[in-house]
Amino acid sequence: MGLELMLRFKNLGSGSTGNATLIEAGSGGDRKRLLVDCGLGIRQLDFRLNQAGLQADEIDAIFITHEHSDHIGCARQLAMRYRIPVWMSHGTHAGMGLADFDGLLNIARDSTPIDLGEMQVMPFTVPHDAREPLQLTATDGHVRLGVLTDLGHASAHVLRHVAQCHALLLECNHDPDLLNASRYPPFLKRRVAGLYGHLANHAAAEIAEAVAGTGLRRIVAAHLSQQNNRPDLALAALSERAACASIELLVAHPVEGTGWLDV
């Protein structure tokens, strides 16, 4: 039975146009499916779930990392329509205006595990300009996936949590030169590049290098800025690290996301 267990994930979209990632653990009728963020409209989400071979009512739980619109999207509508439990921090819930989830809301806390049966989820706090942002790792007891997007820098706390991951969905938001030359107003450039903004390619590469020696075998570069980054620049920054030489490097498309990927 243990050999049949599987942890896999599929990004449904990544970036300012909307973020959502499916994580699936188990096999056969025992599978559990977690939707991490739901930054899409309900029709678009249904379409992308259909492309993934799923229906919305097959989702077992929703985890919202923070209250920014490209991560919330139709989360409440989806949860209420199909009676899906939702996890988020107190701060994220407050940032959403304390929306009523009709008993479906569960409060996620830093370093407090969430047991979904075939899948165990570990939330952890990250430095980002939101009320109480959380990212997470997910494991089936054999392999571990880290979801690490929307943070300005990797604190020691972050690195401790993503150590021992076998796969990472890792923010590679911007190239500093492209950001500096962009049409963004100065305040927005400072925000993106700040300690509570978003990861530059080289900062993501430093995280990859720090984690690479602990069994990491796949990185999906995510949350790339359409104006301030390019896939080739993100991949180049990651591949320049010697520790990443044996790691498969992929890029999540902003709209198409990725195919299903085993952890």
Protein backbone atom coordinates (compact mmCIF):
# COMPACT_ATOMS: atom_id res chain seq x y z
CA MET A 1 0.00 0.00 0.00
CA GLY A 2 2.82 2.39 0.86
CA LEU A 3 4.27 2.09 -2.62
CA GLU A 4 1.01 3.35 -4.13
CA LEU A 5 1.03 6.61 -2.20
CA MET A 6 1.84 9.63 -4.26
CA LEU A 7 2.25 13.36 -3.79
CA ARG A 8 1.91 15.50 -6.88
CA PHE A 9 1.02 19.08 -7.72
CA LYS A 10 -0.18 21.23 -10.59
CA ASN A 11 0.01 24.98 -10.80
CA LEU A 12 -3.14 26.43 -12.38
CA GLY A 13 -1.77 29.93 -12.85
CA SER A 14 0.98 32.04 -11.36
CA GLY A 15 1.43 35.81 -11.24
CA SER A 16 -0.58 39.00 -11.06
CA THR A 17 -3.32 37.49 -13.27
CA GLY A 18 -4.14 34.98 -10.54
CA ASN A 19 -2.49 32.31 -8.42
CA ALA A 20 -3.74 28.80 -7.68
CA THR A 21 -2.02 25.46 -7.14
CA LEU A 22 -3.47 21.98 -6.66
CA ILE A 23 -1.73 19.48 -4.39
CA GLU A 24 -2.88 15.85 -4.41
CA ALA A 25 -1.84 13.06 -2.06
CA GLY A 26 -2.74 9.40 -1.88
CA SER A 27 -4.14 7.03 -4.48
CA GLY A 28 -7.44 5.66 -5.69
CA GLY A 29 -10.43 6.69 -3.62
CA ASP A 30 -8.23 7.82 -0.73
CA ARG A 31 -6.83 10.84 -2.54
CA LYS A 32 -6.92 14.22 -0.86
CA ARG A 33 -6.77 17.43 -2.87
CA LEU A 34 -5.77 20.82 -1.52
CA LEU A 35 -6.19 24.05 -3.47
CA VAL A 36 -3.56 26.57 -2.41
CA ASP A 37 -4.88 30.04 -3.21
CA CYS A 38 -7.79 30.73 -5.50
CA GLY A 39 -6.93 33.97 -7.30
CA LEU A 40 -9.20 33.33 -10.29
CA GLY A 41 -12.81 33.90 -11.24
CA ILE A 42 -15.11 30.93 -10.70
CA ARG A 43 -15.57 30.21 -14.42
CA GLN A 44 -11.84 30.38 -15.10
CA LEU A 45 -11.15 28.14 -12.13
CA ASP A 46 -13.70 25.61 -13.36
CA PHE A 47 -12.07 25.66 -16.79
CA ARG A 48 -8.57 25.10 -15.43
CA LEU A 49 -9.73 22.38 -13.05
CA ASN A 50 -11.37 20.64 -16.00
CA GLN A 51 -8.05 20.82 -17.86
CA ALA A 52 -6.47 19.16 -14.82
CA GLY A 53 -9.02 16.35 -15.02
CA LEU A 54 -10.97 17.45 -11.95
CA GLN A 55 -14.22 19.06 -10.90
CA ALA A 56 -14.49 21.68 -8.18
CA ASP A 57 -16.44 19.35 -5.90
CA GLU A 58 -13.41 17.02 -5.81
CA ILE A 59 -11.39 19.58 -3.83
CA ASP A 60 -11.17 18.61 -0.16
CA ALA A 61 -9.72 21.82 1.30
CA ILE A 62 -8.65 25.35 0.39
CA PHE A 63 -5.64 27.15 1.87
CA ILE A 64 -5.33 30.93 1.38
CA THR A 65 -1.83 32.27 1.91
CA HIS A 66 -2.77 35.97 2.24
CA GLU A 67 -5.44 38.49 1.40
CA HIS A 68 -4.12 40.02 -1.83
CA SER A 69 -6.68 39.82 -4.62
CA ASP A 70 -4.55 37.66 -6.93
CA HIS A 71 -4.63 34.96 -4.24
CA ILE A 72 -8.21 35.24 -2.95
CA GLY A 73 -10.25 35.48 -6.16
CA CYS A 74 -13.33 33.25 -5.88
CA ALA A 75 -12.24 31.42 -2.70
CA ARG A 76 -15.32 32.25 -0.67
CA GLN A 77 -17.69 31.60 -3.56
CA LEU A 78 -16.05 28.24 -4.24
CA ALA A 79 -16.06 27.21 -0.59
CA MET A 80 -19.70 28.15 -0.04
CA ARG A 81 -20.91 26.54 -3.26
CA TYR A 82 -19.31 23.14 -2.58
CA ARG A 83 -19.02 23.30 1.24
CA ILE A 84 -15.22 23.07 1.16
CA PRO A 85 -13.30 23.79 4.40
CA VAL A 86 -10.98 26.80 4.19
CA TRP A 87 -7.78 27.50 6.13
CA MET A 88 -6.18 30.93 6.53
CA SER A 89 -4.58 32.99 9.27
CA HIS A 90 -6.46 35.38 11.56
CA GLY A 91 -4.70 38.25 9.80
CA THR A 92 -5.71 37.07 6.36
CA HIS A 93 -9.31 36.71 7.48
CA ALA A 94 -9.21 40.23 8.89
CA GLY A 95 -7.66 41.45 5.63
CA MET A 96 -10.65 39.95 3.81
CA GLY A 97 -13.00 42.00 5.99
CA LEU A 98 -13.84 39.09 8.33
CA ALA A 99 -15.93 37.47 5.61
CA ASP A 100 -18.53 34.95 6.77
CA PHE A 101 -17.66 31.42 5.69
CA ASP A 102 -20.71 29.82 7.33
CA GLY A 103 -18.73 27.49 9.56
CA LEU A 104 -16.20 26.46 6.89
CA LEU A 105 -13.37 28.68 8.17
CA ASN A 106 -10.41 27.14 10.00
CA ILE A 107 -7.64 29.32 11.41
CA ALA A 108 -4.16 28.35 10.26
CA ARG A 109 -1.23 29.18 12.52
CA ASP A 110 2.51 29.30 12.09
CA SER A 111 4.19 25.93 12.64
CA THR A 112 0.90 24.22 13.56
CA PRO A 113 0.26 21.20 11.30
CA ILE A 114 -3.00 20.64 9.45
CA ASP A 115 -4.01 16.99 9.07
CA LEU A 116 -5.90 16.26 5.85
CA GLY A 117 -5.62 12.50 6.16
CA GLU A 118 -3.42 11.42 3.27
CA MET A 119 -1.70 14.84 3.36
CA GLN A 120 -0.18 16.81 6.19
CA VAL A 121 0.26 20.55 5.72
CA MET A 122 2.61 22.78 7.69
CA PRO A 123 1.99 26.54 7.47
CA PHE A 124 4.73 29.01 8.30
CA THR A 125 4.99 32.79 8.43
CA VAL A 126 6.87 34.71 5.76
CA PRO A 127 8.03 38.33 5.45
CA HIS A 128 5.53 39.89 3.02
CA ASP A 129 3.44 43.05 3.08
CA ALA A 130 0.18 41.41 4.10
CA ARG A 131 -1.62 41.10 7.45
CA GLU A 132 -0.40 37.63 8.49
CA PRO A 133 0.90 35.81 5.42
CA LEU A 134 1.60 32.10 5.47
CA GLN A 135 3.27 29.74 3.04
CA LEU A 136 3.38 25.98 3.50
CA THR A 137 4.88 22.59 3.00
CA ALA A 138 2.84 19.47 2.23
CA THR A 139 3.83 15.84 2.72
CA ASP A 140 2.34 12.39 2.33
CA GLY A 141 4.83 11.07 4.87
CA HIS A 142 7.36 10.10 2.22
CA VAL A 143 8.16 13.21 0.17
CA ARG A 144 7.69 16.92 0.82
CA LEU A 145 6.62 19.85 -1.36
CA GLY A 146 7.31 23.47 -0.44
CA VAL A 147 5.15 26.34 -1.68
CA LEU A 148 7.17 29.54 -1.30
CA THR A 149 5.85 32.56 -3.16
CA ASP A 150 5.13 36.15 -2.13
CA LEU A 151 7.92 37.02 0.25
CA GLY A 152 10.56 39.72 0.28
CA HIS A 153 13.39 37.62 1.67
CA ALA A 154 14.07 34.22 3.17
CA SER A 155 14.28 34.43 6.93
CA ALA A 156 15.97 31.69 8.94
CA HIS A 157 12.45 30.56 9.89
CA VAL A 158 11.52 30.17 6.22
CA LEU A 159 14.67 28.22 5.42
CA ARG A 160 14.09 25.84 8.33
CA HIS A 161 10.64 25.04 7.02
CA VAL A 162 11.63 24.41 3.41
CA ALA A 163 14.65 22.30 4.31
CA GLN A 164 14.11 18.63 3.43
CA CYS A 165 11.76 19.50 0.56
CA HIS A 166 11.95 17.33 -2.55
CA ALA A 167 10.19 19.91 -4.74
CA LEU A 168 9.69 23.66 -4.48
CA LEU A 169 7.21 26.03 -6.09
CA LEU A 170 9.52 29.02 -5.67
CA GLU A 171 8.89 32.69 -6.36
CA CYS A 172 11.22 34.23 -8.95
CA ASN A 173 9.41 37.53 -9.23
CA HIS A 174 11.76 39.99 -10.85
CA ASP A 175 15.10 40.79 -12.38
CA PRO A 176 16.49 43.87 -10.57
CA ASP A 177 17.70 45.53 -13.78
CA LEU A 178 14.35 45.10 -15.49
CA LEU A 179 12.54 46.37 -12.41
CA ASN A 180 14.75 49.45 -12.17
CA ALA A 181 14.23 50.22 -15.87
CA SER A 182 10.48 49.59 -15.77
CA ARG A 183 7.66 52.13 -15.85
CA TYR A 184 6.71 51.30 -12.29
CA PRO A 185 6.55 54.43 -10.11
CA PRO A 186 9.38 54.74 -7.58
CA PHE A 187 7.22 53.76 -4.61
CA LEU A 188 6.16 50.53 -6.31
CA LYS A 189 9.74 49.67 -7.26
CA ARG A 190 10.74 50.12 -3.62
CA ARG A 191 7.84 47.98 -2.47
CA VAL A 192 8.58 45.10 -4.88
CA ALA A 193 12.32 45.11 -4.15
CA GLY A 194 11.92 45.63 -0.40
CA LEU A 195 12.34 43.19 2.45
CA TYR A 196 8.57 42.60 2.52
CA GLY A 197 7.97 42.63 -1.23
CA HIS A 198 8.88 39.92 -3.70
CA LEU A 199 11.90 37.73 -4.40
CA ALA A 200 14.38 38.72 -7.09
CA ASN A 201 15.81 35.94 -9.23
CA HIS A 202 19.15 35.94 -7.41
CA ALA A 203 17.40 35.76 -4.01
CA ALA A 204 15.38 32.77 -5.17
CA ALA A 205 18.58 31.15 -6.39
CA GLU A 206 20.14 31.61 -2.95
CA ILE A 207 17.18 29.79 -1.38
CA ALA A 208 17.53 26.99 -3.91
CA GLU A 209 21.20 26.65 -3.11
CA ALA A 210 20.51 26.56 0.63
CA VAL A 211 17.93 23.78 0.25
CA ALA A 212 19.51 21.82 -2.61
CA GLY A 213 21.66 19.56 -0.48
CA THR A 214 18.72 18.11 1.45
CA GLY A 215 17.14 16.04 -1.34
CA LEU A 216 15.65 18.76 -3.54
CA ARG A 217 15.14 17.45 -7.06
CA ARG A 218 12.66 19.82 -8.75
CA ILE A 219 12.09 23.60 -8.68
CA VAL A 220 9.22 25.36 -10.40
CA ALA A 221 9.92 29.07 -10.75
CA ALA A 222 6.67 30.89 -10.03
CA HIS A 223 5.04 34.31 -9.72
CA LEU A 224 7.23 35.83 -12.44
CA SER A 225 6.44 39.48 -13.13
CA GLN A 226 5.26 39.87 -16.72
CA GLN A 227 6.92 43.29 -16.93
CA ASN A 228 10.01 42.82 -14.80
CA ASN A 229 11.18 39.29 -15.52
CA ARG A 230 11.56 36.64 -18.19
CA PRO A 231 11.61 32.85 -17.89
CA ASP A 232 15.13 32.64 -19.32
CA LEU A 233 16.45 35.07 -16.71
CA ALA A 234 14.83 33.16 -13.85
CA LEU A 235 16.17 29.84 -15.10
CA ALA A 236 19.63 31.31 -15.68
CA ALA A 237 19.80 32.61 -12.10
CA LEU A 238 18.84 29.22 -10.72
CA SER A 239 21.10 27.19 -13.02
CA GLU A 240 24.14 29.36 -12.21
CA ARG A 241 24.18 27.83 -8.74
CA ALA A 242 26.35 24.73 -8.79
CA ALA A 243 24.12 23.07 -6.21
CA CYS A 244 21.23 23.18 -8.70
CA ALA A 245 23.08 21.23 -11.41
CA SER A 246 21.18 18.00 -10.73
CA ILE A 247 17.80 19.67 -10.10
CA GLU A 248 15.06 19.85 -12.71
CA LEU A 249 14.16 23.50 -13.33
CA LEU A 250 10.78 24.54 -14.71
CA VAL A 251 8.77 27.75 -15.02
CA ALA A 252 5.07 28.11 -14.21
CA HIS A 253 3.22 29.88 -17.03
CA PRO A 254 1.14 32.82 -15.75
CA VAL A 255 -2.07 31.43 -17.29
CA GLU A 256 -1.38 27.79 -18.20
CA GLY A 257 0.58 26.99 -15.04
CA THR A 258 2.21 23.56 -15.26
CA GLY A 259 1.24 20.01 -15.95
CA TRP A 260 0.91 17.52 -13.10
CA LEU A 261 4.31 17.06 -11.46
CA ASP A 262 5.33 14.32 -9.04
CA VAL A 263 7.18 15.49 -5.96
